[in-house]
């Protein structure tokens, strides 16, 4: 068998099965953007450093530029679009807006997915734990304080509405 041959995959993206033939080196990021048409997943560094390409793969936040599409055959991937009706994600989005944690917006999808996945597994973290959880996501605009404040406000059920 030729290890460099293309392989057929079916990846469940935001509840929709996407079938394609992929090359061995095709990343999940490229699969999502160019085959599934999911543009809320951003390409920043393409080296796993920035976190803009973060997605939820089988209930775990991963950097999609570091995962091969062929490894994801038969698995479930959620992007920000996959959480449109999710109460926790809605609270995070409102809190990010209220606390000024969104500026240019490039890091925001990955940051929101990382925060949501973290809070799903640790609903009452300390601020230091929030900082550690988002440390794999880079933001050049906010200085992180506003992002940490936004996540902490959701933990404290204080999204800033009506305040």
Protein backbone atom coordinates (compact mmCIF):
# COMPACT_ATOMS: atom_id res chain seq x y z
CA UNK A 1 0.00 0.00 0.00
CA UNK A 2 1.27 3.47 -0.91
CA UNK A 3 1.33 5.56 2.27
CA UNK A 4 1.21 8.76 0.24
CA UNK A 5 -2.08 7.98 -1.51
CA UNK A 6 -5.19 10.04 -0.98
CA UNK A 7 -7.85 8.77 1.38
CA UNK A 8 -11.63 9.21 1.45
CA UNK A 9 -12.96 10.74 4.66
CA UNK A 10 -16.28 11.76 6.09
CA UNK A 11 -16.08 14.40 8.79
CA UNK A 12 -19.13 15.62 10.68
CA UNK A 13 -18.76 19.42 10.67
CA UNK A 14 -21.30 21.31 12.77
CA UNK A 15 -23.77 18.44 12.40
CA UNK A 16 -23.26 18.07 8.65
CA UNK A 17 -21.30 15.13 7.16
CA UNK A 18 -18.70 16.33 4.66
CA UNK A 19 -17.20 13.71 2.35
CA UNK A 20 -13.97 14.31 0.46
CA UNK A 21 -10.79 12.69 -0.72
CA UNK A 22 -7.82 14.22 1.09
CA UNK A 23 -4.09 14.06 0.69
CA UNK A 24 -2.05 12.69 3.61
CA UNK A 25 -0.67 16.14 4.47
CA UNK A 26 -3.96 18.08 4.31
CA UNK A 27 -4.72 19.72 7.63
CA UNK A 28 -8.11 19.79 9.27
CA UNK A 29 -7.90 23.59 8.99
CA UNK A 30 -7.62 23.41 5.20
CA UNK A 31 -10.36 20.78 5.04
CA UNK A 32 -12.71 23.01 7.05
CA UNK A 33 -12.00 26.19 5.11
CA UNK A 34 -11.70 24.89 1.57
CA UNK A 35 -13.81 21.73 1.49
CA UNK A 36 -16.47 22.41 4.12
CA UNK A 37 -16.65 26.17 3.45
CA UNK A 38 -16.35 27.01 7.15
CA UNK A 39 -14.68 30.40 7.30
CA UNK A 40 -15.14 31.13 11.00
CA UNK A 41 -12.02 29.00 11.51
CA UNK A 42 -9.12 31.36 10.88
CA UNK A 43 -5.60 30.63 9.66
CA UNK A 44 -3.09 32.63 11.61
CA UNK A 45 0.34 31.03 11.91
CA UNK A 46 -0.32 27.54 10.51
CA UNK A 47 2.17 26.23 13.11
CA UNK A 48 0.00 25.77 16.22
CA UNK A 49 1.26 28.90 17.96
CA UNK A 50 -1.66 31.35 17.73
CA UNK A 51 -4.88 29.40 18.35
CA UNK A 52 -6.97 31.22 15.74
CA UNK A 53 -7.78 27.86 14.12
CA UNK A 54 -9.13 26.28 17.32
CA UNK A 55 -12.07 23.91 16.89
CA UNK A 56 -13.78 21.36 19.09
CA UNK A 57 -12.86 17.84 18.00
CA UNK A 58 -14.81 15.15 19.83
CA UNK A 59 -15.30 17.42 22.87
CA UNK A 60 -11.72 18.69 23.00
CA UNK A 61 -10.35 22.05 21.90
CA UNK A 62 -7.62 21.51 19.29
CA UNK A 63 -5.64 23.65 16.88
CA UNK A 64 -6.90 22.44 13.53
CA UNK A 65 -3.69 23.37 11.71
CA UNK A 66 -1.91 20.64 13.69
CA UNK A 67 -4.42 17.87 12.97
CA UNK A 68 -4.48 15.95 9.71
CA UNK A 69 -7.87 15.68 8.03
CA UNK A 70 -7.31 11.95 7.49
CA UNK A 71 -7.06 11.51 11.29
CA UNK A 72 -10.54 12.94 11.73
CA UNK A 73 -12.42 10.49 9.50
CA UNK A 74 -15.73 9.61 11.15
CA UNK A 75 -15.34 12.17 13.92
CA UNK A 76 -17.31 15.23 14.99
CA UNK A 77 -15.90 18.75 14.63
CA UNK A 78 -17.60 21.89 15.93
CA UNK A 79 -16.66 25.42 14.97
CA UNK A 80 -18.17 28.63 16.31
CA UNK A 81 -21.08 28.14 13.89
CA UNK A 82 -21.88 24.85 15.59
CA UNK A 83 -22.67 26.66 18.84
CA UNK A 84 -25.23 29.18 17.54
CA UNK A 85 -27.98 27.90 19.83
CA UNK A 86 -25.70 27.13 22.80
CA UNK A 87 -26.54 29.10 25.95
CA UNK A 88 -22.98 29.09 27.31
CA UNK A 89 -21.58 30.33 23.99
CA UNK A 90 -24.24 33.04 23.82
CA UNK A 91 -23.30 34.18 27.33
CA UNK A 92 -19.61 34.25 26.36
CA UNK A 93 -20.30 36.24 23.20
CA UNK A 94 -22.39 38.80 25.09
CA UNK A 95 -19.74 39.07 27.78
CA UNK A 96 -16.94 39.51 25.24
CA UNK A 97 -18.91 42.37 23.65
CA UNK A 98 -19.80 43.96 27.00
CA UNK A 99 -16.24 43.82 28.30
CA UNK A 100 -14.59 45.06 25.11
CA UNK A 101 -12.84 41.71 24.60
CA UNK A 102 -13.45 41.89 20.85
CA UNK A 103 -11.42 44.37 18.87
CA UNK A 104 -10.19 43.28 15.46
CA UNK A 105 -12.01 39.94 15.92
CA UNK A 106 -9.41 37.71 14.29
CA UNK A 107 -8.68 35.68 17.44
CA UNK A 108 -12.25 35.77 18.70
CA UNK A 109 -13.65 32.49 17.27
CA UNK A 110 -10.71 30.47 18.60
CA UNK A 111 -10.74 32.33 21.90
CA UNK A 112 -14.49 31.75 22.36
CA UNK A 113 -14.21 28.05 21.54
CA UNK A 114 -11.29 27.62 23.93
CA UNK A 115 -13.15 29.45 26.70
CA UNK A 116 -16.38 27.54 26.14
CA UNK A 117 -14.63 24.17 26.11
CA UNK A 118 -12.72 25.11 29.25
CA UNK A 119 -15.85 26.25 31.11
CA UNK A 120 -17.73 23.13 30.07
CA UNK A 121 -15.12 21.05 31.88
CA UNK A 122 -14.41 23.54 34.68
CA UNK A 123 -17.50 25.70 35.33
CA UNK A 124 -16.12 27.54 38.39
CA UNK A 125 -12.47 28.34 37.69
CA UNK A 126 -10.27 30.91 39.37
CA UNK A 127 -8.91 33.80 37.27
CA UNK A 128 -5.48 32.15 37.17
CA UNK A 129 -7.06 29.02 35.67
CA UNK A 130 -8.83 31.12 33.02
CA UNK A 131 -5.54 32.77 32.12
CA UNK A 132 -3.85 29.40 31.80
CA UNK A 133 -6.73 27.96 29.74
CA UNK A 134 -6.57 30.72 27.11
CA UNK A 135 -2.78 30.94 27.09
CA UNK A 136 -2.57 28.98 23.83
CA UNK A 137 -4.56 31.67 22.02
CA UNK A 138 -2.80 34.84 20.99
CA UNK A 139 -4.46 38.26 20.83
CA UNK A 140 -2.61 41.33 19.67
CA UNK A 141 -5.36 43.83 20.48
CA UNK A 142 -6.81 43.40 23.96
CA UNK A 143 -3.91 42.64 26.26
CA UNK A 144 -5.93 39.67 27.59
CA UNK A 145 -7.34 41.45 30.66
CA UNK A 146 -10.63 42.16 28.90
CA UNK A 147 -10.85 38.57 27.69
CA UNK A 148 -10.18 37.18 31.16
CA UNK A 149 -12.71 39.66 32.61
CA UNK A 150 -15.30 38.51 30.06
CA UNK A 151 -14.83 34.82 30.85
CA UNK A 152 -14.78 35.50 34.60
CA UNK A 153 -18.04 37.45 34.29
CA UNK A 154 -19.71 34.43 32.70
CA UNK A 155 -18.40 32.27 35.55
CA UNK A 156 -19.92 34.78 37.98
CA UNK A 157 -23.12 35.01 35.88
CA UNK A 158 -22.44 38.69 35.26
CA UNK A 159 -22.47 39.29 31.52
CA UNK A 160 -22.95 42.99 32.04
CA UNK A 161 -26.51 43.16 30.74
CA UNK A 162 -28.53 45.82 32.44
CA UNK A 163 -25.56 47.01 34.43
